[in-house]
PDB file of N, CA and C in Angstrom:
ATOM      1  N   MET A   1     -47.898 128.470-129.296  1.00  0.00           N
ATOM      2  CA  MET A   1     -47.468 128.238-127.924  1.00  0.00           C
ATOM      3  C   MET A   1     -45.992 128.604-127.799  1.00  0.00           C
ATOM      4  N   THR A   2     -45.656 129.442-126.851  1.00  0.00           N
ATOM      5  CA  THR A   2     -44.279 129.867-126.665  1.00  0.00           C
ATOM      6  C   THR A   2     -43.513 128.832-125.854  1.00  0.00           C
ATOM      7  N   PRO A   3     -42.178 128.808-126.000  1.00  0.00           N
ATOM      8  CA  PRO A   3     -41.398 127.848-125.210  1.00  0.00           C
ATOM      9  C   PRO A   3     -41.638 127.989-123.716  1.00  0.00           C
ATOM     10  N   SER A   4     -41.849 129.221-123.231  1.00  0.00           N
ATOM     11  CA  SER A   4     -42.046 129.413-121.796  1.00  0.00           C
ATOM     12  C   SER A   4     -43.379 128.868-121.304  1.00  0.00           C
ATOM     13  N   SER A   5     -44.319 128.604-122.220  1.00  0.00           N
ATOM     14  CA  SER A   5     -45.615 128.062-121.795  1.00  0.00           C
ATOM     15  C   SER A   5     -45.488 126.638-121.281  1.00  0.00           C
ATOM     16  N   HIS A   6     -44.367 125.999-121.546  1.00  0.00           N
ATOM     17  CA  HIS A   6     -44.126 124.636-121.056  1.00  0.00           C
ATOM     18  C   HIS A   6     -43.400 124.627-119.714  1.00  0.00           C
ATOM     19  N   GLU A   7     -43.008 125.805-119.218  1.00  0.00           N
ATOM     20  CA  GLU A   7     -42.239 125.870-117.979  1.00  0.00           C
ATOM     21  C   GLU A   7     -42.930 125.224-116.786  1.00  0.00           C
ATOM     22  N   PRO A   8     -44.224 125.458-116.555  1.00  0.00           N
ATOM     23  CA  PRO A   8     -44.843 124.805-115.392  1.00  0.00           C
ATOM     24  C   PRO A   8     -44.771 123.281-115.454  1.00  0.00           C
ATOM     25  N   GLU A   9     -45.006 122.710-116.626  1.00  0.00           N
ATOM     26  CA  GLU A   9     -44.918 121.249-116.777  1.00  0.00           C
ATOM     27  C   GLU A   9     -43.486 120.776-116.566  1.00  0.00           C
ATOM     28  N   ARG A  10     -42.540 121.503-117.157  1.00  0.00           N
ATOM     29  CA  ARG A  10     -41.132 121.129-117.018  1.00  0.00           C
ATOM     30  C   ARG A  10     -40.699 121.229-115.561  1.00  0.00           C
ATOM     31  N   ASP A  11     -41.068 122.321-114.902  1.00  0.00           N
ATOM     32  CA  ASP A  11     -40.704 122.494-113.500  1.00  0.00           C
ATOM     33  C   ASP A  11     -41.289 121.385-112.638  1.00  0.00           C
ATOM     34  N   ALA A  12     -42.550 121.026-112.886  1.00  0.00           N
ATOM     35  CA  ALA A  12     -43.185 119.955-112.115  1.00  0.00           C
ATOM     36  C   ALA A  12     -42.453 118.634-112.345  1.00  0.00           C
ATOM     37  N   SER A  13     -42.055 118.369-113.571  1.00  0.00           N
ATOM     38  CA  SER A  13     -41.323 117.137-113.879  1.00  0.00           C
ATOM     39  C   SER A  13     -39.965 117.120-113.188  1.00  0.00           C
ATOM     40  N   LEU A  14     -39.290 118.252-113.210  1.00  0.00           N
ATOM     41  CA  LEU A  14     -37.983 118.334-112.558  1.00  0.00           C
ATOM     42  C   LEU A  14     -38.106 118.099-111.055  1.00  0.00           C
ATOM     43  N   HIS A  15     -39.137 118.641-110.454  1.00  0.00           N
ATOM     44  CA  HIS A  15     -39.333 118.440-109.018  1.00  0.00           C
ATOM     45  C   HIS A  15     -39.676 116.986-108.702  1.00  0.00           C
ATOM     46  N   ARG A  16     -40.401 116.320-109.598  1.00  0.00           N
ATOM     47  CA  ARG A  16     -40.690 114.889-109.390  1.00  0.00           C
ATOM     48  C   ARG A  16     -39.410 114.075-109.432  1.00  0.00           C
ATOM     49  N   VAL A  17     -38.496 114.428-110.333  1.00  0.00           N
ATOM     50  CA  VAL A  17     -37.207 113.735-110.402  1.00  0.00           C
ATOM     51  C   VAL A  17     -36.443 113.934-109.094  1.00  0.00           C
ATOM     52  N   ALA A  18     -36.383 115.172-108.624  1.00  0.00           N
ATOM     53  CA  ALA A  18     -35.677 115.458-107.367  1.00  0.00           C
ATOM     54  C   ALA A  18     -36.309 114.700-106.207  1.00  0.00           C
ATOM     55  N   ASP A  19     -37.634 114.657-106.175  1.00  0.00           N
ATOM     56  CA  ASP A  19     -38.331 113.919-105.116  1.00  0.00           C
ATOM     57  C   ASP A  19     -37.970 112.445-105.140  1.00  0.00           C
ATOM     58  N   ARG A  20     -37.925 111.846-106.327  1.00  0.00           N
ATOM     59  CA  ARG A  20     -37.601 110.414-106.437  1.00  0.00           C
ATOM     60  C   ARG A  20     -36.178 110.139-105.970  1.00  0.00           C
ATOM     61  N   LEU A  21     -35.247 111.019-106.320  1.00  0.00           N
ATOM     62  CA  LEU A  21     -33.863 110.834-105.875  1.00  0.00           C
ATOM     63  C   LEU A  21     -33.771 110.912-104.354  1.00  0.00           C
ATOM     64  N   THR A  22     -34.519 111.815-103.767  1.00  0.00           N
ATOM     65  CA  THR A  22     -34.534 111.940-102.311  1.00  0.00           C
ATOM     66  C   THR A  22     -35.076 110.672-101.665  1.00  0.00           C
ATOM     67  N   VAL A  23     -36.136 110.119-102.229  1.00  0.00           N
ATOM     68  CA  VAL A  23     -36.733 108.890-101.700  1.00  0.00           C
ATOM     69  C   VAL A  23     -35.761 107.722-101.822  1.00  0.00           C
ATOM     70  N   VAL A  24     -35.127 107.580-102.978  1.00  0.00           N
ATOM     71  CA  VAL A  24     -34.155 106.497-103.180  1.00  0.00           C
ATOM     72  C   VAL A  24     -33.034 106.596-102.155  1.00  0.00           C
ATOM     73  N   CYS A  25     -32.502 107.784-101.982  1.00  0.00           N
ATOM     74  CA  CYS A  25     -31.405 107.987-101.033  1.00  0.00           C
ATOM     75  C   CYS A  25     -31.868 107.687 -99.608  1.00  0.00           C
ATOM     76  N   GLY A  26     -33.028 108.177 -99.236  1.00  0.00           N
ATOM     77  CA  GLY A  26     -33.545 107.969 -97.885  1.00  0.00           C
ATOM     78  C   GLY A  26     -33.788 106.506 -97.558  1.00  0.00           C
ATOM     79  N   PHE A  27     -34.412 105.783 -98.486  1.00  0.00           N
ATOM     80  CA  PHE A  27     -34.658 104.371 -98.233  1.00  0.00           C
ATOM     81  C   PHE A  27     -33.356 103.571 -98.205  1.00  0.00           C
ATOM     82  N   ALA A  28     -32.416 103.930 -99.063  1.00  0.00           N
ATOM     83  CA  ALA A  28     -31.122 103.240 -99.050  1.00  0.00           C
ATOM     84  C   ALA A  28     -30.412 103.458 -97.716  1.00  0.00           C
ATOM     85  N   GLU A  29     -30.509 104.670 -97.171  1.00  0.00           N
ATOM     86  CA  GLU A  29     -29.898 104.942 -95.867  1.00  0.00           C
ATOM     87  C   GLU A  29     -30.584 104.134 -94.764  1.00  0.00           C
ATOM     88  N   LEU A  30     -31.906 104.032 -94.821  1.00  0.00           N
ATOM     89  CA  LEU A  30     -32.632 103.219 -93.840  1.00  0.00           C
ATOM     90  C   LEU A  30     -32.210 101.755 -93.920  1.00  0.00           C
ATOM     91  N   LEU A  31     -32.123 101.242 -95.148  1.00  0.00           N
ATOM     92  CA  LEU A  31     -31.694  99.851 -95.324  1.00  0.00           C
ATOM     93  C   LEU A  31     -30.280  99.646 -94.784  1.00  0.00           C
ATOM     94  N   ARG A  32     -29.371 100.549 -95.159  1.00  0.00           N
ATOM     95  CA  ARG A  32     -27.974 100.459 -94.709  1.00  0.00           C
ATOM     96  C   ARG A  32     -27.875 100.459 -93.191  1.00  0.00           C
ATOM     97  N   ASP A  33     -28.712 101.255 -92.551  1.00  0.00           N
ATOM     98  CA  ASP A  33     -28.664 101.395 -91.095  1.00  0.00           C
ATOM     99  C   ASP A  33     -29.421 100.291 -90.365  1.00  0.00           C
ATOM    100  N   GLY A  34     -29.974  99.332 -91.115  1.00  0.00           N
ATOM    101  CA  GLY A  34     -30.624  98.187 -90.493  1.00  0.00           C
ATOM    102  C   GLY A  34     -32.051  98.416 -90.036  1.00  0.00           C
ATOM    103  N   ALA A  35     -32.706  99.437 -90.533  1.00  0.00           N
ATOM    104  CA  ALA A  35     -34.077  99.745 -90.108  1.00  0.00           C
ATOM    105  C   ALA A  35     -35.058  98.627 -90.456  1.00  0.00           C
ATOM    106  N   TYR A  36     -34.740  97.823 -91.458  1.00  0.00           N
ATOM    107  CA  TYR A  36     -35.641  96.746 -91.891  1.00  0.00           C
ATOM    108  C   TYR A  36     -35.057  95.365 -91.643  1.00  0.00           C
ATOM    109  N   GLY A  37     -34.007  95.323 -90.850  1.00  0.00           N
ATOM    110  CA  GLY A  37     -33.386  94.051 -90.523  1.00  0.00           C
ATOM    111  C   GLY A  37     -31.885  94.102 -90.734  1.00  0.00           C
ATOM    112  N   PRO A  38     -31.223  93.029 -90.364  1.00  0.00           N
ATOM    113  CA  PRO A  38     -29.767  92.979 -90.467  1.00  0.00           C
ATOM    114  C   PRO A  38     -29.274  93.125 -91.906  1.00  0.00           C
ATOM    115  N   VAL A  39     -28.137  93.787 -92.038  1.00  0.00           N
ATOM    116  CA  VAL A  39     -27.498  93.996 -93.342  1.00  0.00           C
ATOM    117  C   VAL A  39     -26.049  93.549 -93.216  1.00  0.00           C
ATOM    118  N   ASN A  40     -25.623  92.669 -94.130  1.00  0.00           N
ATOM    119  CA  ASN A  40     -24.231  92.217 -94.060  1.00  0.00           C
ATOM    120  C   ASN A  40     -23.301  93.241 -94.710  1.00  0.00           C
ATOM    121  N   ASP A  41     -22.002  93.002 -94.573  1.00  0.00           N
ATOM    122  CA  ASP A  41     -21.015  93.970 -95.063  1.00  0.00           C
ATOM    123  C   ASP A  41     -21.110  94.193 -96.569  1.00  0.00           C
ATOM    124  N   GLU A  42     -21.325  93.141 -97.342  1.00  0.00           N
ATOM    125  CA  GLU A  42     -21.437  93.288 -98.796  1.00  0.00           C
ATOM    126  C   GLU A  42     -22.666  94.133 -99.155  1.00  0.00           C
ATOM    127  N   GLN A  43     -23.781  93.890 -98.479  1.00  0.00           N
ATOM    128  CA  GLN A  43     -24.985  94.681 -98.720  1.00  0.00           C
ATOM    129  C   GLN A  43     -24.755  96.143 -98.341  1.00  0.00           C
ATOM    130  N   LYS A  44     -24.051  96.379 -97.251  1.00  0.00           N
ATOM    131  CA  LYS A  44     -23.746  97.753 -96.846  1.00  0.00           C
ATOM    132  C   LYS A  44     -22.922  98.466 -97.907  1.00  0.00           C
ATOM    133  N   ARG A  45     -21.938  97.760 -98.481  1.00  0.00           N
ATOM    134  CA  ARG A  45     -21.115  98.371 -99.538  1.00  0.00           C
ATOM    135  C   ARG A  45     -21.976  98.741-100.739  1.00  0.00           C
ATOM    136  N   VAL A  46     -22.888  97.862-101.118  1.00  0.00           N
ATOM    137  CA  VAL A  46     -23.773  98.140-102.252  1.00  0.00           C
ATOM    138  C   VAL A  46     -24.677  99.332-101.940  1.00  0.00           C
ATOM    139  N   LEU A  47     -25.214  99.369-100.730  1.00  0.00           N
ATOM    140  CA  LEU A  47     -26.083 100.474-100.340  1.00  0.00           C
ATOM    141  C   LEU A  47     -25.317 101.792-100.259  1.00  0.00           C
ATOM    142  N   GLU A  48     -24.072 101.747 -99.787  1.00  0.00           N
ATOM    143  CA  GLU A  48     -23.244 102.959 -99.761  1.00  0.00           C
ATOM    144  C   GLU A  48     -23.031 103.481-101.174  1.00  0.00           C
ATOM    145  N   THR A  49     -22.806 102.578-102.128  1.00  0.00           N
ATOM    146  CA  THR A  49     -22.651 102.989-103.526  1.00  0.00           C
ATOM    147  C   THR A  49     -23.940 103.627-104.038  1.00  0.00           C
ATOM    148  N   LEU A  50     -25.068 103.003-103.743  1.00  0.00           N
ATOM    149  CA  LEU A  50     -26.360 103.540-104.163  1.00  0.00           C
ATOM    150  C   LEU A  50     -26.584 104.932-103.570  1.00  0.00           C
ATOM    151  N   ILE A  51     -26.300 105.098-102.299  1.00  0.00           N
ATOM    152  CA  ILE A  51     -26.466 106.392-101.634  1.00  0.00           C
ATOM    153  C   ILE A  51     -25.562 107.436-102.278  1.00  0.00           C
ATOM    154  N   SER A  52     -24.316 107.064-102.491  1.00  0.00           N
ATOM    155  CA  SER A  52     -23.360 107.984-103.095  1.00  0.00           C
ATOM    156  C   SER A  52     -23.802 108.415-104.495  1.00  0.00           C
ATOM    157  N   GLU A  53     -24.243 107.448-105.298  1.00  0.00           N
ATOM    158  CA  GLU A  53     -24.681 107.752-106.664  1.00  0.00           C
ATOM    159  C   GLU A  53     -25.947 108.613-106.667  1.00  0.00           C
ATOM    160  N   ALA A  54     -26.872 108.341-105.758  1.00  0.00           N
ATOM    161  CA  ALA A  54     -28.103 109.146-105.674  1.00  0.00           C
ATOM    162  C   ALA A  54     -27.774 110.584-105.274  1.00  0.00           C
ATOM    163  N   LYS A  55     -26.847 110.729-104.337  1.00  0.00           N
ATOM    164  CA  LYS A  55     -26.445 112.076-103.917  1.00  0.00           C
ATOM    165  C   LYS A  55     -25.729 112.808-105.046  1.00  0.00           C
ATOM    166  N   GLU A  56     -24.882 112.102-105.774  1.00  0.00           N
ATOM    167  CA  GLU A  56     -24.185 112.729-106.903  1.00  0.00           C
ATOM    168  C   GLU A  56     -25.181 113.138-107.986  1.00  0.00           C
ATOM    169  N   ALA A  57     -26.150 112.274-108.274  1.00  0.00           N
ATOM    170  CA  ALA A  57     -27.181 112.620-109.255  1.00  0.00           C
ATOM    171  C   ALA A  57     -27.965 113.843-108.792  1.00  0.00           C
ATOM    172  N   GLY A  58     -28.238 113.909-107.503  1.00  0.00           N
ATOM    173  CA  GLY A  58     -28.936 115.064-106.960  1.00  0.00           C
ATOM    174  C   GLY A  58     -28.133 116.344-107.101  1.00  0.00           C
ATOM    175  N   ALA A  59     -26.840 116.251-106.861  1.00  0.00           N
ATOM    176  CA  ALA A  59     -25.973 117.423-107.010  1.00  0.00           C
ATOM    177  C   ALA A  59     -25.919 117.876-108.472  1.00  0.00           C
ATOM    178  N   LEU A  60     -25.838 116.922-109.388  1.00  0.00           N
ATOM    179  CA  LEU A  60     -25.850 117.262-110.817  1.00  0.00           C
ATOM    180  C   LEU A  60     -27.184 117.897-111.209  1.00  0.00           C
ATOM    181  N   PHE A  61     -28.258 117.333-110.689  1.00  0.00           N
ATOM    182  CA  PHE A  61     -29.583 117.880-110.957  1.00  0.00           C
ATOM    183  C   PHE A  61     -29.663 119.326-110.463  1.00  0.00           C
ATOM    184  N   HIS A  62     -29.176 119.569-109.260  1.00  0.00           N
ATOM    185  CA  HIS A  62     -29.193 120.909-108.684  1.00  0.00           C
ATOM    186  C   HIS A  62     -28.370 121.870-109.547  1.00  0.00           C
ATOM    187  N   LEU A  63     -27.204 121.438-109.997  1.00  0.00           N
ATOM    188  CA  LEU A  63     -26.358 122.262-110.851  1.00  0.00           C
ATOM    189  C   LEU A  63     -27.083 122.609-112.149  1.00  0.00           C
ATOM    190  N   LEU A  64     -27.702 121.610-112.770  1.00  0.00           N
ATOM    191  CA  LEU A  64     -28.439 121.854-114.010  1.00  0.00           C
ATOM    192  C   LEU A  64     -29.616 122.797-113.771  1.00  0.00           C
ATOM    193  N   SER A  65     -30.281 122.649-112.651  1.00  0.00           N
ATOM    194  CA  SER A  65     -31.421 123.527-112.369  1.00  0.00           C
ATOM    195  C   SER A  65     -30.964 124.966-112.197  1.00  0.00           C
ATOM    196  N   GLN A  66     -29.758 125.167-111.677  1.00  0.00           N
ATOM    197  CA  GLN A  66     -29.226 126.519-111.522  1.00  0.00           C
ATOM    198  C   GLN A  66     -28.845 127.122-112.869  1.00  0.00           C
ATOM    199  N   GLN A  67     -28.658 126.279-113.871  1.00  0.00           N
ATOM    200  CA  GLN A  67     -28.288 126.763-115.199  1.00  0.00           C
ATOM    201  C   GLN A  67     -29.514 126.995-116.073  1.00  0.00           C
ATOM    202  N   GLY A  68     -30.690 127.072-115.437  1.00  0.00           N
ATOM    203  CA  GLY A  68     -31.880 127.434-116.184  1.00  0.00           C
ATOM    204  C   GLY A  68     -32.799 126.299-116.555  1.00  0.00           C
ATOM    205  N   LEU A  69     -32.564 125.096-116.069  1.00  0.00           N
ATOM    206  CA  LEU A  69     -33.436 123.975-116.415  1.00  0.00           C
ATOM    207  C   LEU A  69     -34.570 123.793-115.422  1.00  0.00           C
ATOM    208  N   GLY A  70     -34.617 124.611-114.418  1.00  0.00           N
ATOM    209  CA  GLY A  70     -35.661 124.535-113.408  1.00  0.00           C
ATOM    210  C   GLY A  70     -35.667 125.823-112.617  1.00  0.00           C
ATOM    211  N   ARG A  71     -36.266 125.791-111.478  1.00  0.00           N
ATOM    212  CA  ARG A  71     -36.289 126.961-110.606  1.00  0.00           C
ATOM    213  C   ARG A  71     -35.400 126.681-109.404  1.00  0.00           C
ATOM    214  N   PRO A  72     -34.156 127.177-109.414  1.00  0.00           N
ATOM    215  CA  PRO A  72     -33.218 126.847-108.343  1.00  0.00           C
ATOM    216  C   PRO A  72     -33.684 127.220-106.949  1.00  0.00           C
ATOM    217  N   GLU A  73     -34.497 128.256-106.821  1.00  0.00           N
ATOM    218  CA  GLU A  73     -34.929 128.648-105.484  1.00  0.00           C
ATOM    219  C   GLU A  73     -35.878 127.638-104.866  1.00  0.00           C
ATOM    220  N   LYS A  74     -36.459 126.740-105.682  1.00  0.00           N
ATOM    221  CA  LYS A  74     -37.365 125.713-105.165  1.00  0.00           C
ATOM    222  C   LYS A  74     -36.752 124.324-105.224  1.00  0.00           C
ATOM    223  N   THR A  75     -35.579 124.184-105.809  1.00  0.00           N
ATOM    224  CA  THR A  75     -34.964 122.885-106.011  1.00  0.00           C
ATOM    225  C   THR A  75     -33.770 122.720-105.098  1.00  0.00           C
ATOM    226  N   LYS A  76     -33.800 121.669-104.282  1.00  0.00           N
ATOM    227  CA  LYS A  76     -32.689 121.394-103.378  1.00  0.00           C
ATOM    228  C   LYS A  76     -32.162 120.004-103.693  1.00  0.00           C
ATOM    229  N   PRO A  77     -30.855 119.791-103.551  1.00  0.00           N
ATOM    230  CA  PRO A  77     -30.307 118.484-103.882  1.00  0.00           C
ATOM    231  C   PRO A  77     -30.807 117.408-102.915  1.00  0.00           C
ATOM    232  N   PRO A  78     -31.134 116.240-103.455  1.00  0.00           N
ATOM    233  CA  PRO A  78     -31.570 115.130-102.613  1.00  0.00           C
ATOM    234  C   PRO A  78     -30.501 114.715-101.617  1.00  0.00           C
ATOM    235  N   GLY A  79     -30.935 114.193-100.514  1.00  0.00           N
ATOM    236  CA  GLY A  79     -30.007 113.693 -99.517  1.00  0.00           C
ATOM    237  C   GLY A  79     -29.454 114.765 -98.607  1.00  0.00           C
ATOM    238  N   THR A  80     -29.976 116.002 -98.730  1.00  0.00           N
ATOM    239  CA  THR A  80     -29.462 117.068 -97.894  1.00  0.00           C
ATOM    240  C   THR A  80     -30.372 117.360 -96.717  1.00  0.00           C
ATOM    241  N   GLY A  81     -31.469 116.604 -96.616  1.00  0.00           N
ATOM    242  CA  GLY A  81     -32.398 116.807 -95.512  1.00  0.00           C
ATOM    243  C   GLY A  81     -33.279 118.014 -95.717  1.00  0.00           C
ATOM    244  N   ALA A  82     -33.202 118.598 -96.915  1.00  0.00           N
ATOM    245  CA  ALA A  82     -34.008 119.788 -97.202  1.00  0.00           C
ATOM    246  C   ALA A  82     -35.326 119.416 -97.822  1.00  0.00           C
TER     247      ALA A  82
END
């Protein structure tokens, strides 16, 4: 089995990671914006940190995918609405 024979599995795994980061960021934004009820200032600060970290992880993921760890033309950073 050649190393490239694992590419479809690897690509699928990478896309699942990107999808999860997008979901985490999206739900955190909904929570921060009060979609599920009132949020106090301390909770908003925590959610802002979570959103920021998820977006940063997404940007790092996108950078790594451009360096050959995935298919950059199909991978978009989470939190970009793409």
